[in-house]
């Protein structure tokens, strides 16, 4: 498929080149959880890149039915940027017992500094986890709100695949300079988060 992003494996620099005319991804950081209360990316989020992407690979909670969640830092020491968000889910059970899609009214925020859940519930059995990605747009802007979108899939505690869409904006004029991930209950037992920046060329 033309236009697909391909990694430059020849020199393993972490640079990912897009199709002709596109930009180039640069891997900025990788963090692997080992029963951590939080994973924070407190540097390298600035005006260098107009777009940042976080990849989540097999995020596994200590506690069953926990949500994976995010918050943003806007120049201070706390991760508490004001956010307005929206959330949609589709799901299907392994036994074909139930399937549906709906708006997640309980997981959206309206002008809130609280953490934003970016998954449904995740199971804590050995084969249960969450994988997905989150895009953060122009976090260094001091004019516009800072948009973000997240899509991912969970293997939940009731043997269900859930495809989720979360989106919103940080309604602050200050730049967003940090991102923090936590679980709604207990700790992140395992999993990897990678952060990339997308340049203009």
C-alpha atoms as a PDB file:
ATOM      1  CA  UNK A   1       0.000   0.000   0.000  1.00  0.00           C
ATOM      2  CA  UNK A   2       1.584   3.278  -1.066  1.00  0.00           C
ATOM      3  CA  UNK A   3       2.062   5.924   1.575  1.00  0.00           C
ATOM      4  CA  UNK A   4       2.459   3.478   4.423  1.00  0.00           C
ATOM      5  CA  UNK A   5       4.998   4.546   7.020  1.00  0.00           C
ATOM      6  CA  UNK A   6       8.111   2.372   7.013  1.00  0.00           C
ATOM      7  CA  UNK A   7      10.834   2.274   9.626  1.00  0.00           C
ATOM      8  CA  UNK A   8      14.425   2.940   8.613  1.00  0.00           C
ATOM      9  CA  UNK A   9      15.765  -0.373   9.899  1.00  0.00           C
ATOM     10  CA  UNK A  10      19.090  -0.059   8.105  1.00  0.00           C
ATOM     11  CA  UNK A  11      20.659   2.138  10.759  1.00  0.00           C
ATOM     12  CA  UNK A  12      18.157   1.673  13.614  1.00  0.00           C
ATOM     13  CA  UNK A  13      18.239   5.376  14.434  1.00  0.00           C
ATOM     14  CA  UNK A  14      14.588   5.497  15.458  1.00  0.00           C
ATOM     15  CA  UNK A  15      13.826   7.715  12.465  1.00  0.00           C
ATOM     16  CA  UNK A  16      10.712   6.688  10.593  1.00  0.00           C
ATOM     17  CA  UNK A  17      10.269   8.073   7.092  1.00  0.00           C
ATOM     18  CA  UNK A  18       6.870   8.732   5.597  1.00  0.00           C
ATOM     19  CA  UNK A  19       5.950   8.639   1.920  1.00  0.00           C
ATOM     20  CA  UNK A  20       7.328  11.186  -0.544  1.00  0.00           C
ATOM     21  CA  UNK A  21       6.162  14.670   0.340  1.00  0.00           C
ATOM     22  CA  UNK A  22       5.467  13.691   3.951  1.00  0.00           C
ATOM     23  CA  UNK A  23       7.309  14.340   7.167  1.00  0.00           C
ATOM     24  CA  UNK A  24       9.588  12.112   9.219  1.00  0.00           C
ATOM     25  CA  UNK A  25       8.927  10.485  12.586  1.00  0.00           C
ATOM     26  CA  UNK A  26      11.644  10.678  15.225  1.00  0.00           C
ATOM     27  CA  UNK A  27      11.465   8.429  18.255  1.00  0.00           C
ATOM     28  CA  UNK A  28      12.048  10.653  21.282  1.00  0.00           C
ATOM     29  CA  UNK A  29      11.557   8.324  24.233  1.00  0.00           C
ATOM     30  CA  UNK A  30      10.577   4.825  25.300  1.00  0.00           C
ATOM     31  CA  UNK A  31       9.314   3.864  28.752  1.00  0.00           C
ATOM     32  CA  UNK A  32       8.631   0.304  29.888  1.00  0.00           C
ATOM     33  CA  UNK A  33       6.435  -0.174  32.943  1.00  0.00           C
ATOM     34  CA  UNK A  34       7.394  -2.427  35.821  1.00  0.00           C
ATOM     35  CA  UNK A  35       4.650  -1.997  38.421  1.00  0.00           C
ATOM     36  CA  UNK A  36       4.728   1.808  38.213  1.00  0.00           C
ATOM     37  CA  UNK A  37       2.220   4.215  39.726  1.00  0.00           C
ATOM     38  CA  UNK A  38       2.671   6.506  36.710  1.00  0.00           C
ATOM     39  CA  UNK A  39       4.679   6.973  33.540  1.00  0.00           C
ATOM     40  CA  UNK A  40       5.518  10.570  32.707  1.00  0.00           C
ATOM     41  CA  UNK A  41       7.029  12.205  29.644  1.00  0.00           C
ATOM     42  CA  UNK A  42       8.291  15.454  31.141  1.00  0.00           C
ATOM     43  CA  UNK A  43      10.735  16.546  28.435  1.00  0.00           C
ATOM     44  CA  UNK A  44      11.025  16.722  24.628  1.00  0.00           C
ATOM     45  CA  UNK A  45       7.461  18.055  24.258  1.00  0.00           C
ATOM     46  CA  UNK A  46       7.996  21.537  22.853  1.00  0.00           C
ATOM     47  CA  UNK A  47       7.934  23.545  19.613  1.00  0.00           C
ATOM     48  CA  UNK A  48      10.372  21.184  17.860  1.00  0.00           C
ATOM     49  CA  UNK A  49       7.514  19.165  16.335  1.00  0.00           C
ATOM     50  CA  UNK A  50       3.947  20.154  15.411  1.00  0.00           C
ATOM     51  CA  UNK A  51       2.647  16.631  16.112  1.00  0.00           C
ATOM     52  CA  UNK A  52       3.525  14.106  18.819  1.00  0.00           C
ATOM     53  CA  UNK A  53       2.405  10.490  18.914  1.00  0.00           C
ATOM     54  CA  UNK A  54       2.381   8.013  21.793  1.00  0.00           C
ATOM     55  CA  UNK A  55       2.210   4.284  21.078  1.00  0.00           C
ATOM     56  CA  UNK A  56       0.890   1.926  23.764  1.00  0.00           C
ATOM     57  CA  UNK A  57       2.003  -1.705  23.535  1.00  0.00           C
ATOM     58  CA  UNK A  58       0.386  -4.339  25.778  1.00  0.00           C
ATOM     59  CA  UNK A  59      -0.424  -2.078  28.728  1.00  0.00           C
ATOM     60  CA  UNK A  60      -1.313  -4.422  31.602  1.00  0.00           C
ATOM     61  CA  UNK A  61      -2.858  -3.359  34.932  1.00  0.00           C
ATOM     62  CA  UNK A  62      -2.195  -4.765  38.382  1.00  0.00           C
ATOM     63  CA  UNK A  63      -5.904  -4.532  39.249  1.00  0.00           C
ATOM     64  CA  UNK A  64      -8.660  -6.119  37.198  1.00  0.00           C
ATOM     65  CA  UNK A  65     -11.074  -3.807  35.347  1.00  0.00           C
ATOM     66  CA  UNK A  66      -8.833  -0.735  35.588  1.00  0.00           C
ATOM     67  CA  UNK A  67      -8.893   2.119  33.064  1.00  0.00           C
ATOM     68  CA  UNK A  68      -5.715   3.497  31.481  1.00  0.00           C
ATOM     69  CA  UNK A  69      -5.733   7.299  31.718  1.00  0.00           C
ATOM     70  CA  UNK A  70      -3.880  10.479  30.797  1.00  0.00           C
ATOM     71  CA  UNK A  71      -3.332  14.002  32.019  1.00  0.00           C
ATOM     72  CA  UNK A  72      -1.351  16.962  30.708  1.00  0.00           C
ATOM     73  CA  UNK A  73       1.016  19.508  32.240  1.00  0.00           C
ATOM     74  CA  UNK A  74       0.720  23.127  31.115  1.00  0.00           C
ATOM     75  CA  UNK A  75       3.875  24.748  32.411  1.00  0.00           C
ATOM     76  CA  UNK A  76       3.509  24.129  36.125  1.00  0.00           C
ATOM     77  CA  UNK A  77       4.507  21.128  38.204  1.00  0.00           C
ATOM     78  CA  UNK A  78       1.136  19.378  38.183  1.00  0.00           C
ATOM     79  CA  UNK A  79      -0.585  17.348  35.484  1.00  0.00           C
ATOM     80  CA  UNK A  80      -3.945  19.093  35.599  1.00  0.00           C
ATOM     81  CA  UNK A  81      -4.601  20.962  32.351  1.00  0.00           C
ATOM     82  CA  UNK A  82      -8.267  21.817  31.756  1.00  0.00           C
ATOM     83  CA  UNK A  83      -9.842  19.458  29.210  1.00  0.00           C
ATOM     84  CA  UNK A  84     -13.093  18.921  27.307  1.00  0.00           C
ATOM     85  CA  UNK A  85     -13.435  15.464  25.763  1.00  0.00           C
ATOM     86  CA  UNK A  86     -15.682  12.914  24.074  1.00  0.00           C
ATOM     87  CA  UNK A  87     -15.675   9.096  23.963  1.00  0.00           C
ATOM     88  CA  UNK A  88     -17.174   6.296  21.821  1.00  0.00           C
ATOM     89  CA  UNK A  89     -16.820   2.499  22.079  1.00  0.00           C
ATOM     90  CA  UNK A  90     -17.614  -0.565  19.977  1.00  0.00           C
ATOM     91  CA  UNK A  91     -17.294  -4.033  21.472  1.00  0.00           C
ATOM     92  CA  UNK A  92     -17.818  -7.754  20.839  1.00  0.00           C
ATOM     93  CA  UNK A  93     -17.640 -10.659  23.278  1.00  0.00           C
ATOM     94  CA  UNK A  94     -15.640 -13.822  22.563  1.00  0.00           C
ATOM     95  CA  UNK A  95     -18.720 -16.004  23.033  1.00  0.00           C
ATOM     96  CA  UNK A  96     -20.732 -13.801  20.641  1.00  0.00           C
ATOM     97  CA  UNK A  97     -23.088 -13.097  23.528  1.00  0.00           C
ATOM     98  CA  UNK A  98     -23.128  -9.336  23.155  1.00  0.00           C
ATOM     99  CA  UNK A  99     -21.938  -6.658  20.760  1.00  0.00           C
ATOM    100  CA  UNK A 100     -22.804  -2.990  20.442  1.00  0.00           C
ATOM    101  CA  UNK A 101     -21.513   0.563  20.133  1.00  0.00           C
ATOM    102  CA  UNK A 102     -22.398   3.644  22.134  1.00  0.00           C
ATOM    103  CA  UNK A 103     -21.273   7.002  23.470  1.00  0.00           C
ATOM    104  CA  UNK A 104     -19.441   6.773  26.807  1.00  0.00           C
ATOM    105  CA  UNK A 105     -21.144   9.523  28.781  1.00  0.00           C
ATOM    106  CA  UNK A 106     -19.376   8.470  31.970  1.00  0.00           C
ATOM    107  CA  UNK A 107     -15.895   8.849  30.486  1.00  0.00           C
ATOM    108  CA  UNK A 108     -16.109  12.321  28.938  1.00  0.00           C
ATOM    109  CA  UNK A 109     -15.050  15.569  30.605  1.00  0.00           C
ATOM    110  CA  UNK A 110     -16.359  19.125  30.405  1.00  0.00           C
ATOM    111  CA  UNK A 111     -13.837  21.786  31.402  1.00  0.00           C
ATOM    112  CA  UNK A 112     -12.221  19.475  33.920  1.00  0.00           C
ATOM    113  CA  UNK A 113      -8.712  19.190  35.346  1.00  0.00           C
ATOM    114  CA  UNK A 114      -9.297  15.522  36.207  1.00  0.00           C
ATOM    115  CA  UNK A 115      -7.499  12.654  34.498  1.00  0.00           C
ATOM    116  CA  UNK A 116      -8.990  11.491  31.206  1.00  0.00           C
ATOM    117  CA  UNK A 117      -9.656   7.774  30.872  1.00  0.00           C
ATOM    118  CA  UNK A 118      -8.548   6.621  27.394  1.00  0.00           C
ATOM    119  CA  UNK A 119      -9.716   3.002  27.608  1.00  0.00           C
ATOM    120  CA  UNK A 120     -12.611   0.982  28.807  1.00  0.00           C
ATOM    121  CA  UNK A 121     -11.832  -1.505  31.546  1.00  0.00           C
ATOM    122  CA  UNK A 122      -8.774  -3.729  31.034  1.00  0.00           C
ATOM    123  CA  UNK A 123      -8.486  -7.243  32.416  1.00  0.00           C
ATOM    124  CA  UNK A 124      -5.484  -8.281  34.513  1.00  0.00           C
ATOM    125  CA  UNK A 125      -5.205 -11.929  33.463  1.00  0.00           C
ATOM    126  CA  UNK A 126      -1.892 -12.838  31.859  1.00  0.00           C
ATOM    127  CA  UNK A 127      -3.189 -12.480  28.282  1.00  0.00           C
ATOM    128  CA  UNK A 128      -5.268  -9.310  28.815  1.00  0.00           C
ATOM    129  CA  UNK A 129      -3.976  -5.844  27.947  1.00  0.00           C
ATOM    130  CA  UNK A 130      -4.489  -2.610  25.990  1.00  0.00           C
ATOM    131  CA  UNK A 131      -2.711  -1.393  22.851  1.00  0.00           C
ATOM    132  CA  UNK A 132      -3.263   1.773  20.842  1.00  0.00           C
ATOM    133  CA  UNK A 133      -2.021   5.264  20.057  1.00  0.00           C
ATOM    134  CA  UNK A 134      -2.582   8.894  20.997  1.00  0.00           C
ATOM    135  CA  UNK A 135      -1.859  11.970  18.872  1.00  0.00           C
ATOM    136  CA  UNK A 136      -1.167  15.396  20.395  1.00  0.00           C
ATOM    137  CA  UNK A 137      -1.268  18.385  18.043  1.00  0.00           C
ATOM    138  CA  UNK A 138       0.860  21.528  18.335  1.00  0.00           C
ATOM    139  CA  UNK A 139       1.350  21.365  22.109  1.00  0.00           C
ATOM    140  CA  UNK A 140       3.640  24.428  22.112  1.00  0.00           C
ATOM    141  CA  UNK A 141       0.918  26.762  20.815  1.00  0.00           C
ATOM    142  CA  UNK A 142       0.065  29.671  23.096  1.00  0.00           C
ATOM    143  CA  UNK A 143      -2.792  30.763  20.806  1.00  0.00           C
ATOM    144  CA  UNK A 144      -4.952  27.704  20.170  1.00  0.00           C
ATOM    145  CA  UNK A 145      -6.340  24.889  22.294  1.00  0.00           C
ATOM    146  CA  UNK A 146      -4.272  21.690  22.154  1.00  0.00           C
ATOM    147  CA  UNK A 147      -6.177  18.879  20.408  1.00  0.00           C
ATOM    148  CA  UNK A 148      -5.599  15.187  21.053  1.00  0.00           C
ATOM    149  CA  UNK A 149      -7.144  11.978  19.713  1.00  0.00           C
ATOM    150  CA  UNK A 150      -6.727   8.421  20.951  1.00  0.00           C
ATOM    151  CA  UNK A 151      -7.736   5.083  19.517  1.00  0.00           C
ATOM    152  CA  UNK A 152      -7.035   1.712  21.036  1.00  0.00           C
ATOM    153  CA  UNK A 153      -8.263  -1.789  21.728  1.00  0.00           C
ATOM    154  CA  UNK A 154      -8.632  -3.570  25.057  1.00  0.00           C
ATOM    155  CA  UNK A 155      -9.001  -7.178  26.025  1.00  0.00           C
ATOM    156  CA  UNK A 156     -11.280  -6.718  29.004  1.00  0.00           C
ATOM    157  CA  UNK A 157     -12.063  -8.753  32.094  1.00  0.00           C
ATOM    158  CA  UNK A 158     -15.184 -10.302  30.507  1.00  0.00           C
ATOM    159  CA  UNK A 159     -13.369 -11.646  27.410  1.00  0.00           C
ATOM    160  CA  UNK A 160     -14.434  -8.753  25.213  1.00  0.00           C
ATOM    161  CA  UNK A 161     -12.615  -6.839  22.509  1.00  0.00           C
ATOM    162  CA  UNK A 162     -13.394  -3.144  22.795  1.00  0.00           C
ATOM    163  CA  UNK A 163     -12.388  -0.614  20.142  1.00  0.00           C
ATOM    164  CA  UNK A 164     -12.427   2.863  21.674  1.00  0.00           C
ATOM    165  CA  UNK A 165     -12.181   6.422  20.426  1.00  0.00           C
ATOM    166  CA  UNK A 166     -11.360   9.290  22.762  1.00  0.00           C
ATOM    167  CA  UNK A 167     -10.749  12.873  21.669  1.00  0.00           C
ATOM    168  CA  UNK A 168     -10.706  16.358  23.078  1.00  0.00           C
ATOM    169  CA  UNK A 169      -8.651  19.448  23.701  1.00  0.00           C
ATOM    170  CA  UNK A 170      -6.702  21.055  26.498  1.00  0.00           C
ATOM    171  CA  UNK A 171      -8.490  24.374  26.871  1.00  0.00           C
ATOM    172  CA  UNK A 172      -5.455  26.399  27.936  1.00  0.00           C
ATOM    173  CA  UNK A 173      -3.380  29.065  26.204  1.00  0.00           C
ATOM    174  CA  UNK A 174      -0.213  27.870  27.926  1.00  0.00           C
ATOM    175  CA  UNK A 175       1.909  25.320  26.112  1.00  0.00           C
ATOM    176  CA  UNK A 176       1.526  21.649  27.031  1.00  0.00           C
ATOM    177  CA  UNK A 177       4.988  20.458  28.073  1.00  0.00           C
ATOM    178  CA  UNK A 178       4.340  17.143  29.801  1.00  0.00           C
ATOM    179  CA  UNK A 179       2.111  14.060  29.583  1.00  0.00           C
ATOM    180  CA  UNK A 180       1.446  11.524  32.329  1.00  0.00           C
ATOM    181  CA  UNK A 181      -0.185   8.077  32.194  1.00  0.00           C
ATOM    182  CA  UNK A 182      -1.719   6.220  35.142  1.00  0.00           C
ATOM    183  CA  UNK A 183      -4.262   3.528  35.953  1.00  0.00           C
ATOM    184  CA  UNK A 184      -7.599   4.360  37.533  1.00  0.00           C
ATOM    185  CA  UNK A 185      -6.847   1.747  40.181  1.00  0.00           C
ATOM    186  CA  UNK A 186      -3.466   0.625  41.482  1.00  0.00           C
ATOM    187  CA  UNK A 187      -0.425   0.519  39.147  1.00  0.00           C
ATOM    188  CA  UNK A 188       0.713  -0.174  35.589  1.00  0.00           C
ATOM    189  CA  UNK A 189       2.183  -3.654  35.943  1.00  0.00           C
ATOM    190  CA  UNK A 190       3.780  -3.892  32.501  1.00  0.00           C
ATOM    191  CA  UNK A 191       3.725  -2.530  28.958  1.00  0.00           C
ATOM    192  CA  UNK A 192       5.673  -0.120  26.769  1.00  0.00           C
ATOM    193  CA  UNK A 193       4.956   3.475  25.741  1.00  0.00           C
ATOM    194  CA  UNK A 194       6.881   5.108  22.893  1.00  0.00           C
ATOM    195  CA  UNK A 195       6.835   8.822  22.067  1.00  0.00           C
ATOM    196  CA  UNK A 196       7.517  10.160  18.553  1.00  0.00           C
ATOM    197  CA  UNK A 197       7.687  13.623  17.034  1.00  0.00           C
ATOM    198  CA  UNK A 198       6.593  14.317  13.448  1.00  0.00           C
ATOM    199  CA  UNK A 199       8.642  16.925  11.594  1.00  0.00           C
ATOM    200  CA  UNK A 200       7.784  18.891   8.478  1.00  0.00           C
ATOM    201  CA  UNK A 201      10.343  17.179   6.264  1.00  0.00           C
END
